[in-house]
């Protein structure tokens, strides 16, 4: 049951005038906003089209980056997913886990570029290179 496509339909990034002081909290939240079935004539199959929004907030009240789009997912059987969505606006875990993992990967990479343009910290932890300790320092410790 793979993700077979993703496209972004809207990107919005805004930063307030408030100066950054102290600790900045970064919180990223994906949300599925729509689920519908679409035909894929070239594959002679039907897929699920999942509308989504992915919001990264920089707090307290410093900035927000929002991405919206659609993701195509090939499920073995679309009926149970559509039924659960219609009933309670959720999707089964066997679909939500790969979908959310894909959204985190693709959206956080895109948001990292937008955050850099706004001079905001990246929304994910990047590796930090530290200098090696010299042998003298280790011996004196």
N, C-alpha and C. Protein backbone atom coordinates (compact mmCIF):
# COMPACT_ATOMS: atom_id res chain seq x y z
N UNK A 1 0.84 -1.19 0.00
CA UNK A 1 0.00 0.00 0.00
C UNK A 1 0.88 1.25 0.00
N UNK A 2 1.34 1.65 -1.12
CA UNK A 2 2.29 2.76 -1.16
C UNK A 2 1.66 4.13 -1.45
N UNK A 3 2.42 5.13 -1.05
CA UNK A 3 2.13 6.50 -1.49
C UNK A 3 2.69 6.59 -2.91
N UNK A 4 1.86 7.02 -3.85
CA UNK A 4 2.32 7.05 -5.24
C UNK A 4 2.46 8.46 -5.79
N UNK A 5 2.10 9.46 -5.01
CA UNK A 5 2.25 10.82 -5.49
C UNK A 5 1.88 11.83 -4.43
N UNK A 6 2.45 13.02 -4.55
CA UNK A 6 2.14 14.12 -3.64
C UNK A 6 2.33 15.42 -4.41
N UNK A 7 1.37 16.33 -4.24
CA UNK A 7 1.57 17.65 -4.84
C UNK A 7 1.12 18.71 -3.84
N UNK A 8 1.85 19.80 -3.85
CA UNK A 8 1.54 20.92 -2.98
C UNK A 8 0.64 21.88 -3.74
N UNK A 9 -0.40 22.39 -3.07
CA UNK A 9 -1.32 23.32 -3.71
C UNK A 9 -1.25 24.71 -3.09
N UNK A 10 -0.69 24.81 -1.90
CA UNK A 10 -0.60 26.11 -1.24
C UNK A 10 0.54 26.09 -0.22
N UNK A 11 1.30 27.18 -0.19
CA UNK A 11 2.35 27.36 0.81
C UNK A 11 2.23 28.78 1.34
N UNK A 12 2.22 28.89 2.64
CA UNK A 12 2.11 30.20 3.26
C UNK A 12 3.08 30.25 4.44
N UNK A 13 3.89 31.29 4.48
CA UNK A 13 4.84 31.46 5.58
C UNK A 13 4.73 32.89 6.06
N UNK A 14 4.55 33.05 7.37
CA UNK A 14 4.48 34.40 7.92
C UNK A 14 5.24 34.46 9.23
N UNK A 15 5.93 35.56 9.40
CA UNK A 15 6.72 35.80 10.59
C UNK A 15 6.28 37.12 11.18
N UNK A 16 6.04 37.13 12.46
CA UNK A 16 5.61 38.35 13.13
C UNK A 16 6.76 39.32 13.36
N UNK A 17 6.44 40.47 13.91
CA UNK A 17 7.44 41.49 14.19
C UNK A 17 8.10 41.31 15.56
N UNK A 18 7.59 40.39 16.33
CA UNK A 18 8.09 40.14 17.68
C UNK A 18 9.54 39.66 17.62
N UNK A 19 10.45 40.27 18.41
CA UNK A 19 11.84 39.79 18.39
C UNK A 19 11.94 38.42 19.08
N UNK A 20 12.87 37.60 18.60
CA UNK A 20 13.08 36.29 19.19
C UNK A 20 13.90 36.45 20.46
N UNK A 21 13.34 36.06 21.58
CA UNK A 21 14.07 36.08 22.84
C UNK A 21 13.75 34.79 23.57
N UNK A 22 14.74 34.23 24.21
CA UNK A 22 14.52 33.00 24.96
C UNK A 22 14.37 31.80 24.07
N UNK A 23 13.70 30.80 24.60
CA UNK A 23 13.52 29.54 23.89
C UNK A 23 12.40 29.64 22.85
N UNK A 24 12.65 29.07 21.68
CA UNK A 24 11.64 29.03 20.63
C UNK A 24 11.11 27.60 20.55
N UNK A 25 9.82 27.46 20.66
CA UNK A 25 9.18 26.14 20.53
C UNK A 25 8.73 25.95 19.09
N UNK A 26 9.12 24.82 18.51
CA UNK A 26 8.73 24.51 17.14
C UNK A 26 7.85 23.26 17.18
N UNK A 27 6.66 23.38 16.62
CA UNK A 27 5.71 22.27 16.64
C UNK A 27 5.14 22.07 15.24
N UNK A 28 5.27 20.85 14.70
CA UNK A 28 4.76 20.53 13.37
C UNK A 28 3.60 19.55 13.49
N UNK A 29 2.50 19.87 12.79
CA UNK A 29 1.30 19.05 12.89
C UNK A 29 0.70 18.80 11.50
N UNK A 30 0.63 17.52 11.08
CA UNK A 30 -0.07 17.18 9.84
C UNK A 30 -1.54 16.91 10.14
N UNK A 31 -2.40 17.18 9.17
CA UNK A 31 -3.82 16.92 9.34
C UNK A 31 -4.41 16.50 7.99
N UNK A 32 -5.13 15.40 7.98
CA UNK A 32 -5.85 14.97 6.78
C UNK A 32 -7.16 15.74 6.76
N UNK A 33 -7.45 16.41 5.64
CA UNK A 33 -8.64 17.26 5.55
C UNK A 33 -9.72 16.69 4.64
N UNK A 34 -9.35 15.72 3.80
CA UNK A 34 -10.31 15.17 2.83
C UNK A 34 -9.82 13.81 2.36
N UNK A 35 -10.74 12.90 2.15
CA UNK A 35 -10.41 11.60 1.57
C UNK A 35 -11.46 11.30 0.51
N UNK A 36 -10.99 10.99 -0.70
CA UNK A 36 -11.91 10.62 -1.76
C UNK A 36 -11.21 9.63 -2.69
N UNK A 37 -12.02 8.95 -3.47
CA UNK A 37 -11.49 7.96 -4.40
C UNK A 37 -11.34 8.60 -5.77
N UNK A 38 -10.22 8.32 -6.44
CA UNK A 38 -9.97 8.84 -7.78
C UNK A 38 -9.51 7.70 -8.68
N UNK A 39 -9.86 7.81 -9.94
CA UNK A 39 -9.45 6.81 -10.91
C UNK A 39 -8.07 7.09 -11.45
N UNK A 40 -7.31 6.02 -11.69
CA UNK A 40 -6.00 6.12 -12.32
C UNK A 40 -6.04 5.30 -13.60
N UNK A 41 -6.49 5.92 -14.70
CA UNK A 41 -6.68 5.17 -15.96
C UNK A 41 -5.41 4.47 -16.44
N UNK A 42 -4.26 5.09 -16.24
CA UNK A 42 -3.02 4.48 -16.74
C UNK A 42 -2.67 3.19 -15.99
N UNK A 43 -3.12 3.07 -14.75
CA UNK A 43 -2.87 1.85 -13.98
C UNK A 43 -4.10 0.95 -13.91
N UNK A 44 -5.21 1.44 -14.46
CA UNK A 44 -6.48 0.73 -14.40
C UNK A 44 -6.84 0.37 -12.96
N UNK A 45 -6.64 1.36 -12.05
CA UNK A 45 -6.94 1.18 -10.63
C UNK A 45 -7.59 2.43 -10.10
N UNK A 46 -8.09 2.32 -8.88
CA UNK A 46 -8.60 3.48 -8.16
C UNK A 46 -7.70 3.68 -6.94
N UNK A 47 -7.41 4.94 -6.67
CA UNK A 47 -6.55 5.29 -5.53
C UNK A 47 -7.31 6.21 -4.59
N UNK A 48 -6.74 6.44 -3.44
CA UNK A 48 -7.28 7.40 -2.50
C UNK A 48 -6.54 8.71 -2.67
N UNK A 49 -7.28 9.79 -2.77
CA UNK A 49 -6.69 11.12 -2.78
C UNK A 49 -6.95 11.71 -1.40
N UNK A 50 -5.89 12.01 -0.68
CA UNK A 50 -6.01 12.55 0.67
C UNK A 50 -5.56 14.00 0.66
N UNK A 51 -6.48 14.91 0.94
CA UNK A 51 -6.12 16.31 1.09
C UNK A 51 -5.48 16.48 2.46
N UNK A 52 -4.48 17.34 2.54
CA UNK A 52 -3.81 17.53 3.82
C UNK A 52 -3.40 18.98 4.02
N UNK A 53 -3.16 19.31 5.28
CA UNK A 53 -2.48 20.55 5.63
C UNK A 53 -1.41 20.17 6.65
N UNK A 54 -0.29 20.84 6.55
CA UNK A 54 0.84 20.59 7.43
C UNK A 54 1.27 21.94 7.96
N UNK A 55 1.19 22.12 9.27
CA UNK A 55 1.46 23.42 9.88
C UNK A 55 2.64 23.29 10.85
N UNK A 56 3.61 24.18 10.68
CA UNK A 56 4.70 24.29 11.64
C UNK A 56 4.58 25.65 12.31
N UNK A 57 4.44 25.62 13.64
CA UNK A 57 4.30 26.85 14.41
C UNK A 57 5.56 27.10 15.23
N UNK A 58 5.98 28.34 15.22
CA UNK A 58 7.11 28.78 16.03
C UNK A 58 6.53 29.62 17.15
N UNK A 59 6.72 29.17 18.38
CA UNK A 59 6.09 29.87 19.48
C UNK A 59 7.08 30.37 20.49
N UNK A 60 6.62 31.25 21.30
CA UNK A 60 5.23 31.69 21.39
C UNK A 60 4.91 32.80 20.39
N UNK A 61 3.97 32.55 19.49
CA UNK A 61 3.44 33.53 18.52
C UNK A 61 4.51 34.25 17.70
N UNK A 62 5.49 33.48 17.20
CA UNK A 62 6.57 34.10 16.43
C UNK A 62 6.37 33.96 14.92
N UNK A 63 5.98 32.76 14.47
CA UNK A 63 5.86 32.52 13.03
C UNK A 63 5.03 31.27 12.80
N UNK A 64 4.57 31.13 11.55
CA UNK A 64 3.82 29.94 11.14
C UNK A 64 4.09 29.67 9.67
N UNK A 65 4.30 28.40 9.37
CA UNK A 65 4.46 27.97 7.98
C UNK A 65 3.42 26.89 7.73
N UNK A 66 2.60 27.08 6.68
CA UNK A 66 1.50 26.18 6.38
C UNK A 66 1.64 25.69 4.93
N UNK A 67 1.51 24.39 4.77
CA UNK A 67 1.53 23.77 3.44
C UNK A 67 0.25 22.97 3.29
N UNK A 68 -0.38 23.07 2.13
CA UNK A 68 -1.56 22.26 1.82
C UNK A 68 -1.29 21.51 0.52
N UNK A 69 -1.97 20.39 0.36
CA UNK A 69 -1.78 19.63 -0.86
C UNK A 69 -2.62 18.37 -0.88
N UNK A 70 -2.26 17.49 -1.81
CA UNK A 70 -2.95 16.21 -1.99
C UNK A 70 -1.92 15.10 -2.10
N UNK A 71 -2.29 13.95 -1.57
CA UNK A 71 -1.42 12.78 -1.60
C UNK A 71 -2.22 11.63 -2.20
N UNK A 72 -1.61 10.89 -3.10
CA UNK A 72 -2.27 9.71 -3.70
C UNK A 72 -1.74 8.46 -3.03
N UNK A 73 -2.67 7.59 -2.64
CA UNK A 73 -2.32 6.38 -1.91
C UNK A 73 -3.04 5.19 -2.53
N UNK A 74 -2.29 4.13 -2.79
CA UNK A 74 -2.90 2.89 -3.31
C UNK A 74 -3.17 1.96 -2.14
N UNK A 75 -4.42 1.77 -1.82
CA UNK A 75 -4.82 0.85 -0.76
C UNK A 75 -5.29 -0.44 -1.41
N UNK A 76 -5.21 -1.52 -0.68
CA UNK A 76 -5.71 -2.79 -1.21
C UNK A 76 -7.21 -2.70 -1.49
N UNK A 77 -7.93 -2.08 -0.55
CA UNK A 77 -9.38 -1.93 -0.68
C UNK A 77 -9.74 -0.54 -0.15
N UNK A 78 -10.27 0.29 -1.00
CA UNK A 78 -10.59 1.67 -0.61
C UNK A 78 -11.84 1.78 0.25
N UNK A 79 -12.76 0.83 0.14
CA UNK A 79 -14.06 0.93 0.80
C UNK A 79 -13.96 1.12 2.33
N UNK A 80 -13.16 0.33 3.06
CA UNK A 80 -13.10 0.53 4.51
C UNK A 80 -12.53 1.90 4.90
N UNK A 81 -11.59 2.37 4.12
CA UNK A 81 -10.98 3.68 4.41
C UNK A 81 -12.02 4.78 4.20
N UNK A 82 -12.72 4.72 3.08
CA UNK A 82 -13.75 5.71 2.79
C UNK A 82 -14.88 5.67 3.82
N UNK A 83 -15.25 4.46 4.23
CA UNK A 83 -16.32 4.30 5.22
C UNK A 83 -15.92 4.91 6.57
N UNK A 84 -14.69 4.63 7.02
CA UNK A 84 -14.23 5.18 8.29
C UNK A 84 -14.11 6.70 8.21
N UNK A 85 -13.64 7.21 7.08
CA UNK A 85 -13.52 8.66 6.92
C UNK A 85 -14.90 9.32 7.00
N UNK A 86 -15.86 8.73 6.30
CA UNK A 86 -17.22 9.29 6.29
C UNK A 86 -17.84 9.25 7.69
N UNK A 87 -17.55 8.17 8.42
CA UNK A 87 -18.14 7.99 9.75
C UNK A 87 -17.55 8.96 10.79
N UNK A 88 -16.22 8.99 10.91
CA UNK A 88 -15.63 9.79 12.00
C UNK A 88 -14.41 10.63 11.62
N UNK A 89 -14.21 10.84 10.33
CA UNK A 89 -13.14 11.71 9.83
C UNK A 89 -11.75 11.26 10.29
N UNK A 90 -11.56 9.94 10.37
CA UNK A 90 -10.25 9.36 10.62
C UNK A 90 -9.99 8.31 9.56
N UNK A 91 -8.73 7.86 9.47
CA UNK A 91 -8.39 6.80 8.53
C UNK A 91 -7.70 5.67 9.31
N UNK A 92 -7.80 4.44 8.82
CA UNK A 92 -7.20 3.31 9.54
C UNK A 92 -5.68 3.47 9.67
N UNK A 93 -5.16 2.87 10.72
CA UNK A 93 -3.73 2.99 11.02
C UNK A 93 -2.85 2.45 9.90
N UNK A 94 -3.27 1.39 9.22
CA UNK A 94 -2.44 0.84 8.14
C UNK A 94 -2.31 1.81 6.96
N UNK A 95 -3.16 2.81 6.90
CA UNK A 95 -3.04 3.87 5.90
C UNK A 95 -2.40 5.11 6.53
N UNK A 96 -2.81 5.47 7.73
CA UNK A 96 -2.33 6.71 8.35
C UNK A 96 -0.83 6.70 8.63
N UNK A 97 -0.28 5.57 9.05
CA UNK A 97 1.15 5.52 9.38
C UNK A 97 2.03 5.84 8.17
N UNK A 98 1.89 5.13 7.04
CA UNK A 98 2.74 5.49 5.89
C UNK A 98 2.44 6.89 5.34
N UNK A 99 1.18 7.31 5.40
CA UNK A 99 0.81 8.64 4.91
C UNK A 99 1.48 9.72 5.76
N UNK A 100 1.35 9.61 7.08
CA UNK A 100 1.93 10.62 7.97
C UNK A 100 3.46 10.63 7.89
N UNK A 101 4.07 9.45 7.80
CA UNK A 101 5.53 9.41 7.66
C UNK A 101 5.97 10.11 6.37
N UNK A 102 5.24 9.88 5.30
CA UNK A 102 5.57 10.53 4.02
C UNK A 102 5.38 12.05 4.12
N UNK A 103 4.29 12.47 4.76
CA UNK A 103 4.06 13.92 4.93
C UNK A 103 5.14 14.57 5.77
N UNK A 104 5.53 13.93 6.87
CA UNK A 104 6.60 14.50 7.69
C UNK A 104 7.88 14.64 6.88
N UNK A 105 8.26 13.61 6.13
CA UNK A 105 9.49 13.66 5.34
C UNK A 105 9.45 14.78 4.30
N UNK A 106 8.42 14.79 3.49
CA UNK A 106 8.36 15.75 2.38
C UNK A 106 8.11 17.18 2.86
N UNK A 107 7.20 17.36 3.81
CA UNK A 107 6.82 18.71 4.25
C UNK A 107 7.91 19.35 5.09
N UNK A 108 8.55 18.59 5.98
CA UNK A 108 9.60 19.20 6.80
C UNK A 108 10.79 19.65 5.96
N UNK A 109 11.09 18.92 4.90
CA UNK A 109 12.17 19.35 4.00
C UNK A 109 11.79 20.67 3.32
N UNK A 110 10.56 20.76 2.85
CA UNK A 110 10.09 21.99 2.20
C UNK A 110 10.05 23.14 3.21
N UNK A 111 9.56 22.88 4.40
CA UNK A 111 9.45 23.92 5.43
C UNK A 111 10.83 24.38 5.89
N UNK A 112 11.80 23.49 5.91
CA UNK A 112 13.16 23.89 6.29
C UNK A 112 13.69 24.97 5.35
N UNK A 113 13.41 24.85 4.06
CA UNK A 113 13.84 25.87 3.10
C UNK A 113 13.11 27.19 3.32
N UNK A 114 11.81 27.12 3.56
CA UNK A 114 11.04 28.34 3.82
C UNK A 114 11.48 29.00 5.13
N UNK A 115 11.75 28.19 6.15
CA UNK A 115 12.21 28.72 7.43
C UNK A 115 13.55 29.45 7.26
N UNK A 116 14.42 28.89 6.45
CA UNK A 116 15.72 29.52 6.20
C UNK A 116 15.53 30.89 5.54
N UNK A 117 14.60 30.98 4.60
CA UNK A 117 14.33 32.26 3.94
C UNK A 117 13.79 33.31 4.91
N UNK A 118 13.06 32.86 5.93
CA UNK A 118 12.50 33.78 6.93
C UNK A 118 13.43 33.98 8.12
N UNK A 119 14.62 33.38 8.04
CA UNK A 119 15.61 33.44 9.12
C UNK A 119 15.04 32.87 10.42
N UNK A 120 14.39 31.73 10.28
CA UNK A 120 13.86 30.97 11.42
C UNK A 120 14.70 29.71 11.59
N UNK A 121 14.73 29.15 12.80
CA UNK A 121 15.44 27.88 12.95
C UNK A 121 14.74 26.77 12.17
N UNK A 122 15.50 25.75 11.75
CA UNK A 122 14.87 24.66 11.00
C UNK A 122 13.88 23.92 11.88
N UNK A 123 12.85 23.32 11.28
CA UNK A 123 11.81 22.63 12.05
C UNK A 123 12.22 21.24 12.53
N UNK A 124 13.43 20.82 12.21
CA UNK A 124 13.91 19.51 12.64
C UNK A 124 15.34 19.63 13.11
N UNK A 125 15.74 18.71 13.95
CA UNK A 125 17.09 18.74 14.51
C UNK A 125 18.11 18.34 13.45
N UNK A 126 19.05 19.23 13.19
CA UNK A 126 20.11 18.93 12.24
C UNK A 126 21.36 18.50 13.00
N UNK A 127 22.19 17.65 12.40
CA UNK A 127 23.42 17.23 13.08
C UNK A 127 24.33 18.43 13.34
N UNK A 128 25.04 18.38 14.46
CA UNK A 128 25.99 19.44 14.82
C UNK A 128 27.37 18.81 14.92
N UNK A 129 28.32 19.35 14.17
CA UNK A 129 29.69 18.87 14.19
C UNK A 129 30.41 19.59 15.33
N UNK A 130 31.09 18.81 16.16
CA UNK A 130 31.84 19.38 17.27
C UNK A 130 33.31 19.03 17.09
N UNK A 131 34.21 19.91 17.56
CA UNK A 131 35.63 19.59 17.42
C UNK A 131 36.01 18.39 18.30
N UNK A 132 37.02 17.66 17.85
CA UNK A 132 37.50 16.52 18.63
C UNK A 132 38.24 17.02 19.85
N UNK A 133 38.18 16.23 20.91
CA UNK A 133 38.97 16.57 22.08
C UNK A 133 40.39 16.08 21.82
N UNK A 134 41.37 16.89 22.18
CA UNK A 134 42.77 16.49 22.00
C UNK A 134 43.18 15.51 23.09
N UNK A 135 44.18 14.73 22.83
CA UNK A 135 44.64 13.71 23.77
C UNK A 135 45.02 14.31 25.12
N UNK A 136 45.64 15.54 25.12
CA UNK A 136 46.05 16.18 26.37
C UNK A 136 44.85 16.44 27.26
N UNK A 137 43.77 16.89 26.67
CA UNK A 137 42.57 17.20 27.46
C UNK A 137 42.01 15.94 28.09
N UNK A 138 42.05 14.84 27.36
CA UNK A 138 41.53 13.58 27.90
C UNK A 138 42.38 13.08 29.06
N UNK A 139 43.73 13.22 28.95
CA UNK A 139 44.63 12.73 29.99
C UNK A 139 44.51 13.55 31.27
N UNK A 140 44.28 14.86 31.15
CA UNK A 140 44.20 15.72 32.33
C UNK A 140 42.88 15.58 33.06
N UNK A 141 41.89 14.99 32.44
CA UNK A 141 40.57 14.88 33.06
C UNK A 141 40.48 13.77 34.07
